[in-house]
Amino acid sequence: MGYDVIVQIFRELIRTTLVLMAPVLLASLVVGLFISIFQAATQIHEMTLVFVPKILAISACVLILFPWMLNIIVTYTINLITNIPVYVR
């Protein structure tokens, strides 16, 4: 197994990880932005006001997108396992 194969495996791993994390991070970012604007407008600076909506948004995002995320993870794993003979050469 050469360095190029190892780099290819890790590049695919990082790409898959970014694709999986992007919707959850984007939802957290949008909710955090709206809460920050709300806090600035109302002068309410409570930490739980930021924490609870973000947790709810992340949970909802994961629940809604879980089948898609699981499909991507399974596809990546199957691809990795089926290519083991190619990687061993």
PDB file of N, CA and C in Angstrom:
ATOM      1  N   MET A   1       0.857  -1.173   0.000  1.00  0.00           N
ATOM      2  CA  MET A   1       0.000   0.000   0.000  1.00  0.00           C
ATOM      3  C   MET A   1       0.899   1.229   0.000  1.00  0.00           C
ATOM      4  N   GLY A   2       0.732   2.060  -1.005  1.00  0.00           N
ATOM      5  CA  GLY A   2       1.549   3.250  -1.116  1.00  0.00           C
ATOM      6  C   GLY A   2       0.927   4.433  -0.395  1.00  0.00           C
ATOM      7  N   TYR A   3       1.720   5.485  -0.350  1.00  0.00           N
ATOM      8  CA  TYR A   3       1.256   6.700   0.315  1.00  0.00           C
ATOM      9  C   TYR A   3       0.054   7.316  -0.393  1.00  0.00           C
ATOM     10  N   ASP A   4       0.007   7.174  -1.708  1.00  0.00           N
ATOM     11  CA  ASP A   4      -1.104   7.755  -2.449  1.00  0.00           C
ATOM     12  C   ASP A   4      -2.438   7.100  -2.090  1.00  0.00           C
ATOM     13  N   VAL A   5      -2.412   5.810  -1.806  1.00  0.00           N
ATOM     14  CA  VAL A   5      -3.640   5.119  -1.403  1.00  0.00           C
ATOM     15  C   VAL A   5      -4.075   5.576  -0.014  1.00  0.00           C
ATOM     16  N   ILE A   6      -3.116   5.732   0.879  1.00  0.00           N
ATOM     17  CA  ILE A   6      -3.426   6.196   2.236  1.00  0.00           C
ATOM     18  C   ILE A   6      -3.990   7.620   2.181  1.00  0.00           C
ATOM     19  N   VAL A   7      -3.393   8.463   1.374  1.00  0.00           N
ATOM     20  CA  VAL A   7      -3.889   9.840   1.226  1.00  0.00           C
ATOM     21  C   VAL A   7      -5.288   9.827   0.632  1.00  0.00           C
ATOM     22  N   GLN A   8      -5.542   8.948  -0.327  1.00  0.00           N
ATOM     23  CA  GLN A   8      -6.869   8.847  -0.936  1.00  0.00           C
ATOM     24  C   GLN A   8      -7.913   8.397   0.095  1.00  0.00           C
ATOM     25  N   ILE A   9      -7.566   7.427   0.929  1.00  0.00           N
ATOM     26  CA  ILE A   9      -8.498   6.943   1.954  1.00  0.00           C
ATOM     27  C   ILE A   9      -8.820   8.059   2.937  1.00  0.00           C
ATOM     28  N   PHE A  10      -7.801   8.762   3.417  1.00  0.00           N
ATOM     29  CA  PHE A  10      -8.039   9.834   4.385  1.00  0.00           C
ATOM     30  C   PHE A  10      -8.741  11.033   3.760  1.00  0.00           C
ATOM     31  N   ARG A  11      -8.478  11.303   2.491  1.00  0.00           N
ATOM     32  CA  ARG A  11      -9.180  12.394   1.811  1.00  0.00           C
ATOM     33  C   ARG A  11     -10.674  12.078   1.725  1.00  0.00           C
ATOM     34  N   GLU A  12     -10.997  10.836   1.395  1.00  0.00           N
ATOM     35  CA  GLU A  12     -12.399  10.426   1.334  1.00  0.00           C
ATOM     36  C   GLU A  12     -13.041  10.441   2.720  1.00  0.00           C
ATOM     37  N   LEU A  13     -12.284  10.064   3.741  1.00  0.00           N
ATOM     38  CA  LEU A  13     -12.781  10.098   5.113  1.00  0.00           C
ATOM     39  C   LEU A  13     -13.102  11.528   5.542  1.00  0.00           C
ATOM     40  N   ILE A  14     -12.216  12.448   5.259  1.00  0.00           N
ATOM     41  CA  ILE A  14     -12.429  13.843   5.639  1.00  0.00           C
ATOM     42  C   ILE A  14     -13.594  14.443   4.857  1.00  0.00           C
ATOM     43  N   ARG A  15     -13.703  14.112   3.577  1.00  0.00           N
ATOM     44  CA  ARG A  15     -14.816  14.611   2.775  1.00  0.00           C
ATOM     45  C   ARG A  15     -16.148  14.084   3.307  1.00  0.00           C
ATOM     46  N   THR A  16     -16.186  12.804   3.626  1.00  0.00           N
ATOM     47  CA  THR A  16     -17.410  12.212   4.166  1.00  0.00           C
ATOM     48  C   THR A  16     -17.772  12.838   5.503  1.00  0.00           C
ATOM     49  N   THR A  17     -16.784  13.051   6.346  1.00  0.00           N
ATOM     50  CA  THR A  17     -17.027  13.672   7.649  1.00  0.00           C
ATOM     51  C   THR A  17     -17.565  15.088   7.493  1.00  0.00           C
ATOM     52  N   LEU A  18     -17.008  15.857   6.588  1.00  0.00           N
ATOM     53  CA  LEU A  18     -17.489  17.224   6.361  1.00  0.00           C
ATOM     54  C   LEU A  18     -18.909  17.247   5.809  1.00  0.00           C
ATOM     55  N   VAL A  19     -19.217  16.305   4.926  1.00  0.00           N
ATOM     56  CA  VAL A  19     -20.570  16.235   4.378  1.00  0.00           C
ATOM     57  C   VAL A  19     -21.567  15.874   5.475  1.00  0.00           C
ATOM     58  N   LEU A  20     -21.164  14.998   6.396  1.00  0.00           N
ATOM     59  CA  LEU A  20     -22.055  14.612   7.490  1.00  0.00           C
ATOM     60  C   LEU A  20     -22.228  15.722   8.521  1.00  0.00           C
ATOM     61  N   MET A  21     -21.170  16.463   8.787  1.00  0.00           N
ATOM     62  CA  MET A  21     -21.224  17.497   9.820  1.00  0.00           C
ATOM     63  C   MET A  21     -21.864  18.797   9.336  1.00  0.00           C
ATOM     64  N   ALA A  22     -21.800  19.086   8.057  1.00  0.00           N
ATOM     65  CA  ALA A  22     -22.226  20.379   7.533  1.00  0.00           C
ATOM     66  C   ALA A  22     -23.667  20.764   7.882  1.00  0.00           C
ATOM     67  N   PRO A  23     -24.662  19.899   7.683  1.00  0.00           N
ATOM     68  CA  PRO A  23     -26.033  20.330   8.015  1.00  0.00           C
ATOM     69  C   PRO A  23     -26.230  20.621   9.501  1.00  0.00           C
ATOM     70  N   VAL A  24     -25.620  19.818  10.357  1.00  0.00           N
ATOM     71  CA  VAL A  24     -25.767  20.017  11.799  1.00  0.00           C
ATOM     72  C   VAL A  24     -25.082  21.316  12.223  1.00  0.00           C
ATOM     73  N   LEU A  25     -23.891  21.551  11.723  1.00  0.00           N
ATOM     74  CA  LEU A  25     -23.185  22.786  12.064  1.00  0.00           C
ATOM     75  C   LEU A  25     -23.890  24.015  11.502  1.00  0.00           C
ATOM     76  N   LEU A  26     -24.444  23.891  10.314  1.00  0.00           N
ATOM     77  CA  LEU A  26     -25.171  25.005   9.719  1.00  0.00           C
ATOM     78  C   LEU A  26     -26.429  25.330  10.524  1.00  0.00           C
ATOM     79  N   ALA A  27     -27.146  24.307  10.972  1.00  0.00           N
ATOM     80  CA  ALA A  27     -28.337  24.540  11.802  1.00  0.00           C
ATOM     81  C   ALA A  27     -27.945  25.212  13.109  1.00  0.00           C
ATOM     82  N   SER A  28     -26.867  24.767  13.715  1.00  0.00           N
ATOM     83  CA  SER A  28     -26.395  25.372  14.961  1.00  0.00           C
ATOM     84  C   SER A  28     -25.974  26.824  14.738  1.00  0.00           C
ATOM     85  N   LEU A  29     -25.336  27.084  13.635  1.00  0.00           N
ATOM     86  CA  LEU A  29     -24.898  28.440  13.312  1.00  0.00           C
ATOM     87  C   LEU A  29     -26.085  29.374  13.103  1.00  0.00           C
ATOM     88  N   VAL A  30     -27.071  28.931  12.357  1.00  0.00           N
ATOM     89  CA  VAL A  30     -28.249  29.763  12.084  1.00  0.00           C
ATOM     90  C   VAL A  30     -29.022  30.046  13.363  1.00  0.00           C
ATOM     91  N   VAL A  31     -29.235  29.025  14.185  1.00  0.00           N
ATOM     92  CA  VAL A  31     -29.958  29.227  15.445  1.00  0.00           C
ATOM     93  C   VAL A  31     -29.170  30.161  16.358  1.00  0.00           C
ATOM     94  N   GLY A  32     -27.859  29.965  16.438  1.00  0.00           N
ATOM     95  CA  GLY A  32     -27.030  30.843  17.261  1.00  0.00           C
ATOM     96  C   GLY A  32     -27.075  32.283  16.794  1.00  0.00           C
ATOM     97  N   LEU A  33     -27.091  32.492  15.485  1.00  0.00           N
ATOM     98  CA  LEU A  33     -27.173  33.845  14.944  1.00  0.00           C
ATOM     99  C   LEU A  33     -28.498  34.507  15.300  1.00  0.00           C
ATOM    100  N   PHE A  34     -29.594  33.772  15.136  1.00  0.00           N
ATOM    101  CA  PHE A  34     -30.901  34.332  15.488  1.00  0.00           C
ATOM    102  C   PHE A  34     -31.009  34.624  16.977  1.00  0.00           C
ATOM    103  N   ILE A  35     -30.492  33.754  17.798  1.00  0.00           N
ATOM    104  CA  ILE A  35     -30.541  33.978  19.242  1.00  0.00           C
ATOM    105  C   ILE A  35     -29.668  35.174  19.621  1.00  0.00           C
ATOM    106  N   SER A  36     -28.530  35.323  18.993  1.00  0.00           N
ATOM    107  CA  SER A  36     -27.664  36.471  19.275  1.00  0.00           C
ATOM    108  C   SER A  36     -28.325  37.783  18.880  1.00  0.00           C
ATOM    109  N   ILE A  37     -28.993  37.781  17.728  1.00  0.00           N
ATOM    110  CA  ILE A  37     -29.720  38.984  17.310  1.00  0.00           C
ATOM    111  C   ILE A  37     -30.846  39.284  18.296  1.00  0.00           C
ATOM    112  N   PHE A  38     -31.555  38.254  18.731  1.00  0.00           N
ATOM    113  CA  PHE A  38     -32.620  38.433  19.711  1.00  0.00           C
ATOM    114  C   PHE A  38     -32.076  38.982  21.027  1.00  0.00           C
ATOM    115  N   GLN A  39     -30.935  38.440  21.486  1.00  0.00           N
ATOM    116  CA  GLN A  39     -30.339  38.920  22.730  1.00  0.00           C
ATOM    117  C   GLN A  39     -29.871  40.371  22.611  1.00  0.00           C
ATOM    118  N   ALA A  40     -29.317  40.723  21.470  1.00  0.00           N
ATOM    119  CA  ALA A  40     -28.864  42.100  21.280  1.00  0.00           C
ATOM    120  C   ALA A  40     -30.037  43.075  21.228  1.00  0.00           C
ATOM    121  N   ALA A  41     -31.137  42.624  20.657  1.00  0.00           N
ATOM    122  CA  ALA A  41     -32.293  43.507  20.544  1.00  0.00           C
ATOM    123  C   ALA A  41     -33.028  43.678  21.874  1.00  0.00           C
ATOM    124  N   THR A  42     -33.030  42.640  22.703  1.00  0.00           N
ATOM    125  CA  THR A  42     -33.805  42.702  23.948  1.00  0.00           C
ATOM    126  C   THR A  42     -32.952  42.912  25.186  1.00  0.00           C
ATOM    127  N   GLN A  43     -31.644  42.922  25.034  1.00  0.00           N
ATOM    128  CA  GLN A  43     -30.715  43.075  26.161  1.00  0.00           C
ATOM    129  C   GLN A  43     -30.849  41.952  27.196  1.00  0.00           C
ATOM    130  N   ILE A  44     -31.294  40.802  26.768  1.00  0.00           N
ATOM    131  CA  ILE A  44     -31.357  39.623  27.639  1.00  0.00           C
ATOM    132  C   ILE A  44     -30.119  38.783  27.336  1.00  0.00           C
ATOM    133  N   HIS A  45     -29.272  38.584  28.332  1.00  0.00           N
ATOM    134  CA  HIS A  45     -28.038  37.812  28.128  1.00  0.00           C
ATOM    135  C   HIS A  45     -28.025  36.624  29.078  1.00  0.00           C
ATOM    136  N   GLU A  46     -28.820  35.648  28.744  1.00  0.00           N
ATOM    137  CA  GLU A  46     -28.920  34.431  29.542  1.00  0.00           C
ATOM    138  C   GLU A  46     -28.267  33.294  28.758  1.00  0.00           C
ATOM    139  N   MET A  47     -27.398  32.535  29.406  1.00  0.00           N
ATOM    140  CA  MET A  47     -26.669  31.473  28.717  1.00  0.00           C
ATOM    141  C   MET A  47     -27.589  30.341  28.270  1.00  0.00           C
ATOM    142  N   THR A  48     -28.594  30.024  29.066  1.00  0.00           N
ATOM    143  CA  THR A  48     -29.498  28.943  28.669  1.00  0.00           C
ATOM    144  C   THR A  48     -30.333  29.321  27.461  1.00  0.00           C
ATOM    145  N   LEU A  49     -30.500  30.605  27.225  1.00  0.00           N
ATOM    146  CA  LEU A  49     -31.249  31.058  26.054  1.00  0.00           C
ATOM    147  C   LEU A  49     -30.502  30.698  24.766  1.00  0.00           C
ATOM    148  N   VAL A  50     -29.201  30.574  24.829  1.00  0.00           N
ATOM    149  CA  VAL A  50     -28.415  30.176  23.668  1.00  0.00           C
ATOM    150  C   VAL A  50     -28.300  28.657  23.599  1.00  0.00           C
ATOM    151  N   PHE A  51     -28.088  28.035  24.729  1.00  0.00           N
ATOM    152  CA  PHE A  51     -27.777  26.611  24.776  1.00  0.00           C
ATOM    153  C   PHE A  51     -28.968  25.729  24.392  1.00  0.00           C
ATOM    154  N   VAL A  52     -30.113  25.980  24.970  1.00  0.00           N
ATOM    155  CA  VAL A  52     -31.277  25.110  24.770  1.00  0.00           C
ATOM    156  C   VAL A  52     -31.774  25.122  23.317  1.00  0.00           C
ATOM    157  N   PRO A  53     -31.948  26.271  22.674  1.00  0.00           N
ATOM    158  CA  PRO A  53     -32.393  26.221  21.269  1.00  0.00           C
ATOM    159  C   PRO A  53     -31.382  25.536  20.340  1.00  0.00           C
ATOM    160  N   LYS A  54     -30.089  25.715  20.622  1.00  0.00           N
ATOM    161  CA  LYS A  54     -29.092  25.041  19.792  1.00  0.00           C
ATOM    162  C   LYS A  54     -29.187  23.534  19.941  1.00  0.00           C
ATOM    163  N   ILE A  55     -29.331  23.062  21.175  1.00  0.00           N
ATOM    164  CA  ILE A  55     -29.466  21.622  21.401  1.00  0.00           C
ATOM    165  C   ILE A  55     -30.721  21.085  20.714  1.00  0.00           C
ATOM    166  N   LEU A  56     -31.813  21.814  20.797  1.00  0.00           N
ATOM    167  CA  LEU A  56     -33.046  21.387  20.139  1.00  0.00           C
ATOM    168  C   LEU A  56     -32.896  21.373  18.618  1.00  0.00           C
ATOM    169  N   ALA A  57     -32.232  22.373  18.070  1.00  0.00           N
ATOM    170  CA  ALA A  57     -32.035  22.429  16.616  1.00  0.00           C
ATOM    171  C   ALA A  57     -31.126  21.299  16.138  1.00  0.00           C
ATOM    172  N   ILE A  58     -30.066  21.045  16.887  1.00  0.00           N
ATOM    173  CA  ILE A  58     -29.153  19.964  16.514  1.00  0.00           C
ATOM    174  C   ILE A  58     -29.864  18.619  16.612  1.00  0.00           C
ATOM    175  N   SER A  59     -30.635  18.431  17.667  1.00  0.00           N
ATOM    176  CA  SER A  59     -31.371  17.176  17.831  1.00  0.00           C
ATOM    177  C   SER A  59     -32.381  16.975  16.703  1.00  0.00           C
ATOM    178  N   ALA A  60     -33.102  18.018  16.363  1.00  0.00           N
ATOM    179  CA  ALA A  60     -34.070  17.922  15.271  1.00  0.00           C
ATOM    180  C   ALA A  60     -33.384  17.641  13.940  1.00  0.00           C
ATOM    181  N   CYS A  61     -32.266  18.293  13.724  1.00  0.00           N
ATOM    182  CA  CYS A  61     -31.512  18.094  12.479  1.00  0.00           C
ATOM    183  C   CYS A  61     -31.012  16.649  12.370  1.00  0.00           C
ATOM    184  N   VAL A  62     -30.491  16.122  13.466  1.00  0.00           N
ATOM    185  CA  VAL A  62     -29.991  14.748  13.453  1.00  0.00           C
ATOM    186  C   VAL A  62     -31.151  13.764  13.266  1.00  0.00           C
ATOM    187  N   LEU A  63     -32.276  13.996  13.934  1.00  0.00           N
ATOM    188  CA  LEU A  63     -33.426  13.098  13.785  1.00  0.00           C
ATOM    189  C   LEU A  63     -33.969  13.105  12.359  1.00  0.00           C
ATOM    190  N   ILE A  64     -34.023  14.270  11.748  1.00  0.00           N
ATOM    191  CA  ILE A  64     -34.558  14.366  10.394  1.00  0.00           C
ATOM    192  C   ILE A  64     -33.586  13.780   9.373  1.00  0.00           C
ATOM    193  N   LEU A  65     -32.307  14.052   9.552  1.00  0.00           N
ATOM    194  CA  LEU A  65     -31.309  13.640   8.554  1.00  0.00           C
ATOM    195  C   LEU A  65     -30.637  12.303   8.864  1.00  0.00           C
ATOM    196  N   PHE A  66     -31.056  11.616   9.922  1.00  0.00           N
ATOM    197  CA  PHE A  66     -30.390  10.379  10.301  1.00  0.00           C
ATOM    198  C   PHE A  66     -30.390   9.318   9.196  1.00  0.00           C
ATOM    199  N   PRO A  67     -31.495   9.077   8.481  1.00  0.00           N
ATOM    200  CA  PRO A  67     -31.428   8.073   7.409  1.00  0.00           C
ATOM    201  C   PRO A  67     -30.409   8.431   6.323  1.00  0.00           C
ATOM    202  N   TRP A  68     -30.353   9.694   5.958  1.00  0.00           N
ATOM    203  CA  TRP A  68     -29.378  10.145   4.951  1.00  0.00           C
ATOM    204  C   TRP A  68     -27.954   9.983   5.466  1.00  0.00           C
ATOM    205  N   MET A  69     -27.726  10.366   6.733  1.00  0.00           N
ATOM    206  CA  MET A  69     -26.394  10.253   7.316  1.00  0.00           C
ATOM    207  C   MET A  69     -25.972   8.785   7.417  1.00  0.00           C
ATOM    208  N   LEU A  70     -26.897   7.928   7.829  1.00  0.00           N
ATOM    209  CA  LEU A  70     -26.597   6.505   7.938  1.00  0.00           C
ATOM    210  C   LEU A  70     -26.287   5.913   6.576  1.00  0.00           C
ATOM    211  N   ASN A  71     -27.000   6.331   5.543  1.00  0.00           N
ATOM    212  CA  ASN A  71     -26.731   5.854   4.189  1.00  0.00           C
ATOM    213  C   ASN A  71     -25.329   6.237   3.739  1.00  0.00           C
ATOM    214  N   ILE A  72     -24.911   7.456   4.027  1.00  0.00           N
ATOM    215  CA  ILE A  72     -23.566   7.889   3.644  1.00  0.00           C
ATOM    216  C   ILE A  72     -22.500   7.096   4.398  1.00  0.00           C
ATOM    217  N   ILE A  73     -22.717   6.884   5.690  1.00  0.00           N
ATOM    218  CA  ILE A  73     -21.739   6.132   6.487  1.00  0.00           C
ATOM    219  C   ILE A  73     -21.646   4.688   6.009  1.00  0.00           C
ATOM    220  N   VAL A  74     -22.779   4.069   5.737  1.00  0.00           N
ATOM    221  CA  VAL A  74     -22.786   2.679   5.272  1.00  0.00           C
ATOM    222  C   VAL A  74     -22.132   2.575   3.904  1.00  0.00           C
ATOM    223  N   THR A  75     -22.419   3.505   3.018  1.00  0.00           N
ATOM    224  CA  THR A  75     -21.799   3.497   1.691  1.00  0.00           C
ATOM    225  C   THR A  75     -20.293   3.639   1.789  1.00  0.00           C
ATOM    226  N   TYR A  76     -19.827   4.543   2.640  1.00  0.00           N
ATOM    227  CA  TYR A  76     -18.388   4.716   2.824  1.00  0.00           C
ATOM    228  C   TYR A  76     -17.752   3.446   3.379  1.00  0.00           C
ATOM    229  N   THR A  77     -18.394   2.844   4.373  1.00  0.00           N
ATOM    230  CA  THR A  77     -17.837   1.637   4.984  1.00  0.00           C
ATOM    231  C   THR A  77     -17.812   0.475   3.999  1.00  0.00           C
ATOM    232  N   ILE A  78     -18.888   0.291   3.253  1.00  0.00           N
ATOM    233  CA  ILE A  78     -18.920  -0.786   2.257  1.00  0.00           C
ATOM    234  C   ILE A  78     -17.847  -0.568   1.205  1.00  0.00           C
ATOM    235  N   ASN A  79     -17.688   0.664   0.756  1.00  0.00           N
ATOM    236  CA  ASN A  79     -16.648   0.979  -0.222  1.00  0.00           C
ATOM    237  C   ASN A  79     -15.257   0.681   0.337  1.00  0.00           C
ATOM    238  N   LEU A  80     -15.047   1.026   1.583  1.00  0.00           N
ATOM    239  CA  LEU A  80     -13.751   0.785   2.209  1.00  0.00           C
ATOM    240  C   LEU A  80     -13.476  -0.703   2.358  1.00  0.00           C
ATOM    241  N   ILE A  81     -14.467  -1.459   2.786  1.00  0.00           N
ATOM    242  CA  ILE A  81     -14.273  -2.901   3.002  1.00  0.00           C
ATOM    243  C   ILE A  81     -14.127  -3.650   1.680  1.00  0.00           C
ATOM    244  N   THR A  82     -14.906  -3.280   0.677  1.00  0.00           N
ATOM    245  CA  THR A  82     -14.798  -3.989  -0.605  1.00  0.00           C
ATOM    246  C   THR A  82     -13.487  -3.687  -1.319  1.00  0.00           C
ATOM    247  N   ASN A  83     -12.855  -2.589  -1.022  1.00  0.00           N
ATOM    248  CA  ASN A  83     -11.599  -2.242  -1.668  1.00  0.00           C
ATOM    249  C   ASN A  83     -10.363  -2.706  -0.894  1.00  0.00           C
ATOM    250  N   ILE A  84     -10.538  -3.496   0.132  1.00  0.00           N
ATOM    251  CA  ILE A  84      -9.389  -3.993   0.893  1.00  0.00           C
ATOM    252  C   ILE A  84      -8.403  -4.752  -0.002  1.00  0.00           C
ATOM    253  N   PRO A  85      -8.858  -5.634  -0.920  1.00  0.00           N
ATOM    254  CA  PRO A  85      -7.861  -6.305  -1.783  1.00  0.00           C
ATOM    255  C   PRO A  85      -7.043  -5.321  -2.622  1.00  0.00           C
ATOM    256  N   VAL A  86      -7.647  -4.230  -3.039  1.00  0.00           N
ATOM    257  CA  VAL A  86      -6.915  -3.235  -3.830  1.00  0.00           C
ATOM    258  C   VAL A  86      -5.890  -2.517  -2.934  1.00  0.00           C
ATOM    259  N   TYR A  87      -6.263  -2.272  -1.670  1.00  0.00           N
ATOM    260  CA  TYR A  87      -5.371  -1.564  -0.772  1.00  0.00           C
ATOM    261  C   TYR A  87      -4.200  -2.421  -0.336  1.00  0.00           C
ATOM    262  N   VAL A  88      -4.368  -3.736  -0.287  1.00  0.00           N
ATOM    263  CA  VAL A  88      -3.309  -4.625   0.202  1.00  0.00           C
ATOM    264  C   VAL A  88      -2.190  -4.770  -0.820  1.00  0.00           C
ATOM    265  N   ARG A  89      -2.489  -4.656  -2.088  1.00  0.00           N
ATOM    266  CA  ARG A  89      -1.465  -4.847  -3.131  1.00  0.00           C
ATOM    267  C   ARG A  89      -0.295  -3.946  -2.968  1.00  0.00           C
TER     268      ARG A  89
END
